Amino acid sequence: MNSTIMVIGILLVGSASFFSEYYVKNNYRYTDITLAPADIKTDMDVIKKYNKTTYLVLYRDDCRDCIRAESQLTHAIRYAEHQGKSVFLLNVNKMNSIQGESFKKEYKEILYDGKIATPTVAKLEGTGKTWKVVEFDNTGDIEKQVKILNGK
């Protein structure tokens, strides 16, 4: 009886350890994959010259909808990157006022009443000099945003 309880205890501890390790490895955070605004601008300027398709995900670290969508969006971002897609994740709170105004001028189509709504997911195509917005969602519809990232 005691050995049976001990075996069950060991199995429970082992499976708890396995599942907690799985959860930690697969529970991505925005901060795991976010670049600085200046780095994103530089990288995106290079990519648009080659007429490449890329994806832009905007979030705020103090946005309730962004926090709610974090797990699903970060998984979709990782999946998209695994498919070879270029994805840029930008914390809007990290932009200074000059970067914010520049962003608003370049991406007018994805603004909501002239403001940067979050979370926003946009599929962009480089035209050599500018970005053409192919598809986007700034309503917080997580399912639609995941579909944009995964091309479904």
C-alpha atoms as a PDB file:
ATOM      1  CA  MET A   1       0.000   0.000   0.000  1.00  0.00           C
ATOM      2  CA  ASN A   2       2.742   2.458   0.980  1.00  0.00           C
ATOM      3  CA  SER A   3       4.780   1.614  -2.120  1.00  0.00           C
ATOM      4  CA  THR A   4       1.688   2.175  -4.310  1.00  0.00           C
ATOM      5  CA  ILE A   5       1.150   5.611  -2.771  1.00  0.00           C
ATOM      6  CA  MET A   6       4.842   6.400  -3.238  1.00  0.00           C
ATOM      7  CA  VAL A   7       4.727   5.392  -6.931  1.00  0.00           C
ATOM      8  CA  ILE A   8       1.592   7.496  -7.492  1.00  0.00           C
ATOM      9  CA  GLY A   9       3.274  10.434  -5.733  1.00  0.00           C
ATOM     10  CA  ILE A  10       6.371  10.122  -7.914  1.00  0.00           C
ATOM     11  CA  LEU A  11       4.224   9.963 -11.059  1.00  0.00           C
ATOM     12  CA  LEU A  12       2.270  13.047 -10.003  1.00  0.00           C
ATOM     13  CA  VAL A  13       5.437  15.023  -9.259  1.00  0.00           C
ATOM     14  CA  GLY A  14       7.015  13.908 -12.535  1.00  0.00           C
ATOM     15  CA  SER A  15       3.981  14.816 -14.645  1.00  0.00           C
ATOM     16  CA  ALA A  16       3.619  18.175 -12.860  1.00  0.00           C
ATOM     17  CA  SER A  17       7.263  18.887 -13.627  1.00  0.00           C
ATOM     18  CA  PHE A  18       6.792  17.933 -17.286  1.00  0.00           C
ATOM     19  CA  PHE A  19       3.665  20.048 -17.767  1.00  0.00           C
ATOM     20  CA  SER A  20       5.081  23.081 -15.956  1.00  0.00           C
ATOM     21  CA  GLU A  21       8.185  22.889 -18.187  1.00  0.00           C
ATOM     22  CA  TYR A  22       5.941  22.602 -21.269  1.00  0.00           C
ATOM     23  CA  TYR A  23       3.901  25.613 -20.129  1.00  0.00           C
ATOM     24  CA  VAL A  24       6.990  27.761 -19.552  1.00  0.00           C
ATOM     25  CA  LYS A  25       8.484  26.824 -22.954  1.00  0.00           C
ATOM     26  CA  ASN A  26       5.231  27.474 -24.822  1.00  0.00           C
ATOM     27  CA  ASN A  27       3.895  30.481 -22.944  1.00  0.00           C
ATOM     28  CA  TYR A  28       5.466  33.218 -25.033  1.00  0.00           C
ATOM     29  CA  ARG A  29       5.350  36.837 -23.963  1.00  0.00           C
ATOM     30  CA  TYR A  30       5.445  39.980 -26.080  1.00  0.00           C
ATOM     31  CA  THR A  31       8.669  40.959 -24.351  1.00  0.00           C
ATOM     32  CA  ASP A  32      10.333  37.768 -25.637  1.00  0.00           C
ATOM     33  CA  ILE A  33      10.080  38.942 -29.247  1.00  0.00           C
ATOM     34  CA  THR A  34       9.754  42.750 -29.195  1.00  0.00           C
ATOM     35  CA  LEU A  35      12.350  44.974 -30.855  1.00  0.00           C
ATOM     36  CA  ALA A  36      13.049  48.632 -30.124  1.00  0.00           C
ATOM     37  CA  PRO A  37      11.082  51.076 -32.344  1.00  0.00           C
ATOM     38  CA  ALA A  38      14.264  52.420 -33.969  1.00  0.00           C
ATOM     39  CA  ASP A  39      15.445  48.887 -34.828  1.00  0.00           C
ATOM     40  CA  ILE A  40      12.062  48.040 -36.346  1.00  0.00           C
ATOM     41  CA  LYS A  41      12.068  51.187 -38.492  1.00  0.00           C
ATOM     42  CA  THR A  42      15.573  50.432 -39.769  1.00  0.00           C
ATOM     43  CA  ASP A  43      14.770  46.797 -40.567  1.00  0.00           C
ATOM     44  CA  MET A  44      11.449  47.638 -42.223  1.00  0.00           C
ATOM     45  CA  ASP A  45      13.063  50.351 -44.362  1.00  0.00           C
ATOM     46  CA  VAL A  46      15.461  47.747 -45.733  1.00  0.00           C
ATOM     47  CA  ILE A  47      12.754  45.124 -46.338  1.00  0.00           C
ATOM     48  CA  LYS A  48      10.369  47.434 -48.220  1.00  0.00           C
ATOM     49  CA  LYS A  49      13.087  48.159 -50.801  1.00  0.00           C
ATOM     50  CA  TYR A  50      12.926  44.497 -51.849  1.00  0.00           C
ATOM     51  CA  ASN A  51       9.139  44.463 -52.305  1.00  0.00           C
ATOM     52  CA  LYS A  52       8.770  41.872 -49.555  1.00  0.00           C
ATOM     53  CA  THR A  53       5.642  41.055 -47.595  1.00  0.00           C
ATOM     54  CA  THR A  54       5.903  41.576 -43.882  1.00  0.00           C
ATOM     55  CA  TYR A  55       3.630  41.659 -40.872  1.00  0.00           C
ATOM     56  CA  LEU A  56       3.372  44.342 -38.217  1.00  0.00           C
ATOM     57  CA  VAL A  57       1.871  43.676 -34.791  1.00  0.00           C
ATOM     58  CA  LEU A  58       1.220  46.635 -32.517  1.00  0.00           C
ATOM     59  CA  TYR A  59       0.510  46.369 -28.816  1.00  0.00           C
ATOM     60  CA  ARG A  60       0.731  48.323 -25.578  1.00  0.00           C
ATOM     61  CA  ASP A  61       1.922  46.778 -22.353  1.00  0.00           C
ATOM     62  CA  ASP A  62      -0.913  48.548 -20.482  1.00  0.00           C
ATOM     63  CA  CYS A  63      -3.717  47.548 -22.883  1.00  0.00           C
ATOM     64  CA  ARG A  64      -6.279  45.058 -21.523  1.00  0.00           C
ATOM     65  CA  ASP A  65      -7.125  43.653 -24.954  1.00  0.00           C
ATOM     66  CA  CYS A  66      -3.406  43.247 -25.738  1.00  0.00           C
ATOM     67  CA  ILE A  67      -2.812  41.355 -22.511  1.00  0.00           C
ATOM     68  CA  ARG A  68      -5.824  39.134 -23.215  1.00  0.00           C
ATOM     69  CA  ALA A  69      -4.549  38.419 -26.753  1.00  0.00           C
ATOM     70  CA  GLU A  70      -0.884  37.967 -25.805  1.00  0.00           C
ATOM     71  CA  SER A  71      -0.688  34.192 -25.692  1.00  0.00           C
ATOM     72  CA  GLN A  72      -2.580  33.624 -28.947  1.00  0.00           C
ATOM     73  CA  LEU A  73      -0.806  36.405 -30.851  1.00  0.00           C
ATOM     74  CA  THR A  74       2.681  35.434 -29.732  1.00  0.00           C
ATOM     75  CA  HIS A  75       2.025  31.820 -30.720  1.00  0.00           C
ATOM     76  CA  ALA A  76       0.746  33.010 -34.116  1.00  0.00           C
ATOM     77  CA  ILE A  77       3.842  35.200 -34.495  1.00  0.00           C
ATOM     78  CA  ARG A  78       6.145  32.278 -33.717  1.00  0.00           C
ATOM     79  CA  TYR A  79       4.238  30.096 -36.170  1.00  0.00           C
ATOM     80  CA  ALA A  80       4.444  32.772 -38.890  1.00  0.00           C
ATOM     81  CA  GLU A  81       8.183  33.144 -38.306  1.00  0.00           C
ATOM     82  CA  HIS A  82       8.535  29.359 -38.507  1.00  0.00           C
ATOM     83  CA  GLN A  83       6.871  29.613 -41.948  1.00  0.00           C
ATOM     84  CA  GLY A  84       9.595  32.091 -42.967  1.00  0.00           C
ATOM     85  CA  LYS A  85       7.495  35.247 -42.646  1.00  0.00           C
ATOM     86  CA  SER A  86       8.946  38.538 -41.424  1.00  0.00           C
ATOM     87  CA  VAL A  87       7.003  39.734 -38.395  1.00  0.00           C
ATOM     88  CA  PHE A  88       7.693  42.903 -36.425  1.00  0.00           C
ATOM     89  CA  LEU A  89       6.202  43.318 -32.972  1.00  0.00           C
ATOM     90  CA  LEU A  90       6.111  46.875 -31.665  1.00  0.00           C
ATOM     91  CA  ASN A  91       5.212  48.144 -28.199  1.00  0.00           C
ATOM     92  CA  VAL A  92       3.593  51.476 -29.032  1.00  0.00           C
ATOM     93  CA  ASN A  93       4.374  52.748 -25.510  1.00  0.00           C
ATOM     94  CA  LYS A  94       8.092  52.588 -26.351  1.00  0.00           C
ATOM     95  CA  MET A  95       7.804  55.052 -29.243  1.00  0.00           C
ATOM     96  CA  ASN A  96       8.783  58.641 -28.553  1.00  0.00           C
ATOM     97  CA  SER A  97       6.592  61.457 -29.917  1.00  0.00           C
ATOM     98  CA  ILE A  98       8.644  61.871 -33.110  1.00  0.00           C
ATOM     99  CA  GLN A  99       8.482  58.121 -33.833  1.00  0.00           C
ATOM    100  CA  GLY A 100       4.751  58.131 -33.105  1.00  0.00           C
ATOM    101  CA  GLU A 101       4.049  60.999 -35.510  1.00  0.00           C
ATOM    102  CA  SER A 102       6.240  59.432 -38.200  1.00  0.00           C
ATOM    103  CA  PHE A 103       4.402  56.133 -37.759  1.00  0.00           C
ATOM    104  CA  LYS A 104       1.004  57.828 -38.070  1.00  0.00           C
ATOM    105  CA  LYS A 105       2.058  59.491 -41.342  1.00  0.00           C
ATOM    106  CA  GLU A 106       3.394  56.282 -42.873  1.00  0.00           C
ATOM    107  CA  TYR A 107       0.578  53.957 -41.749  1.00  0.00           C
ATOM    108  CA  LYS A 108      -2.548  56.156 -41.960  1.00  0.00           C
ATOM    109  CA  GLU A 109      -4.665  53.246 -43.195  1.00  0.00           C
ATOM    110  CA  ILE A 110      -4.357  51.235 -40.001  1.00  0.00           C
ATOM    111  CA  LEU A 111      -5.139  54.082 -37.586  1.00  0.00           C
ATOM    112  CA  TYR A 112      -8.424  54.327 -35.725  1.00  0.00           C
ATOM    113  CA  ASP A 113      -9.710  57.915 -35.566  1.00  0.00           C
ATOM    114  CA  GLY A 114      -6.151  59.120 -36.163  1.00  0.00           C
ATOM    115  CA  LYS A 115      -4.785  57.087 -33.260  1.00  0.00           C
ATOM    116  CA  ILE A 116      -2.762  53.887 -33.058  1.00  0.00           C
ATOM    117  CA  ALA A 117      -5.213  51.240 -31.886  1.00  0.00           C
ATOM    118  CA  THR A 118      -3.950  48.140 -30.116  1.00  0.00           C
ATOM    119  CA  PRO A 119      -3.764  45.300 -30.645  1.00  0.00           C
ATOM    120  CA  THR A 120      -3.368  45.744 -34.389  1.00  0.00           C
ATOM    121  CA  VAL A 121      -2.089  43.215 -36.904  1.00  0.00           C
ATOM    122  CA  ALA A 122      -1.264  44.339 -40.435  1.00  0.00           C
ATOM    123  CA  LYS A 123      -0.019  42.537 -43.523  1.00  0.00           C
ATOM    124  CA  LEU A 124       2.146  44.893 -45.574  1.00  0.00           C
ATOM    125  CA  GLU A 125       3.776  44.683 -48.978  1.00  0.00           C
ATOM    126  CA  GLY A 126       6.831  46.732 -49.782  1.00  0.00           C
ATOM    127  CA  THR A 127       6.547  48.779 -52.952  1.00  0.00           C
ATOM    128  CA  GLY A 128      10.174  49.856 -53.034  1.00  0.00           C
ATOM    129  CA  LYS A 129       9.588  53.213 -51.374  1.00  0.00           C
ATOM    130  CA  THR A 130       6.520  52.739 -49.188  1.00  0.00           C
ATOM    131  CA  TRP A 131       4.374  50.059 -47.590  1.00  0.00           C
ATOM    132  CA  LYS A 132       1.030  49.039 -49.045  1.00  0.00           C
ATOM    133  CA  VAL A 133      -1.428  47.771 -46.438  1.00  0.00           C
ATOM    134  CA  VAL A 134      -2.856  44.525 -47.813  1.00  0.00           C
ATOM    135  CA  GLU A 135      -4.946  43.495 -44.828  1.00  0.00           C
ATOM    136  CA  PHE A 136      -5.262  44.590 -41.211  1.00  0.00           C
ATOM    137  CA  ASP A 137      -7.356  44.399 -38.090  1.00  0.00           C
ATOM    138  CA  ASN A 138      -7.335  47.022 -35.349  1.00  0.00           C
ATOM    139  CA  THR A 139     -10.559  45.962 -33.648  1.00  0.00           C
ATOM    140  CA  GLY A 140      -9.008  43.458 -31.268  1.00  0.00           C
ATOM    141  CA  ASP A 141     -10.628  40.487 -33.049  1.00  0.00           C
ATOM    142  CA  ILE A 142      -8.001  37.924 -32.034  1.00  0.00           C
ATOM    143  CA  GLU A 143      -9.236  35.209 -34.393  1.00  0.00           C
ATOM    144  CA  LYS A 144      -9.035  37.557 -37.377  1.00  0.00           C
ATOM    145  CA  GLN A 145      -5.594  38.783 -36.302  1.00  0.00           C
ATOM    146  CA  VAL A 146      -4.282  35.225 -36.025  1.00  0.00           C
ATOM    147  CA  LYS A 147      -5.695  34.459 -39.484  1.00  0.00           C
ATOM    148  CA  ILE A 148      -3.884  37.472 -40.930  1.00  0.00           C
ATOM    149  CA  LEU A 149      -0.596  36.276 -39.435  1.00  0.00           C
ATOM    150  CA  ASN A 150      -1.060  32.677 -40.495  1.00  0.00           C
ATOM    151  CA  GLY A 151      -2.433  33.471 -43.945  1.00  0.00           C
ATOM    152  CA  LYS A 152      -5.685  31.590 -43.499  1.00  0.00           C
END
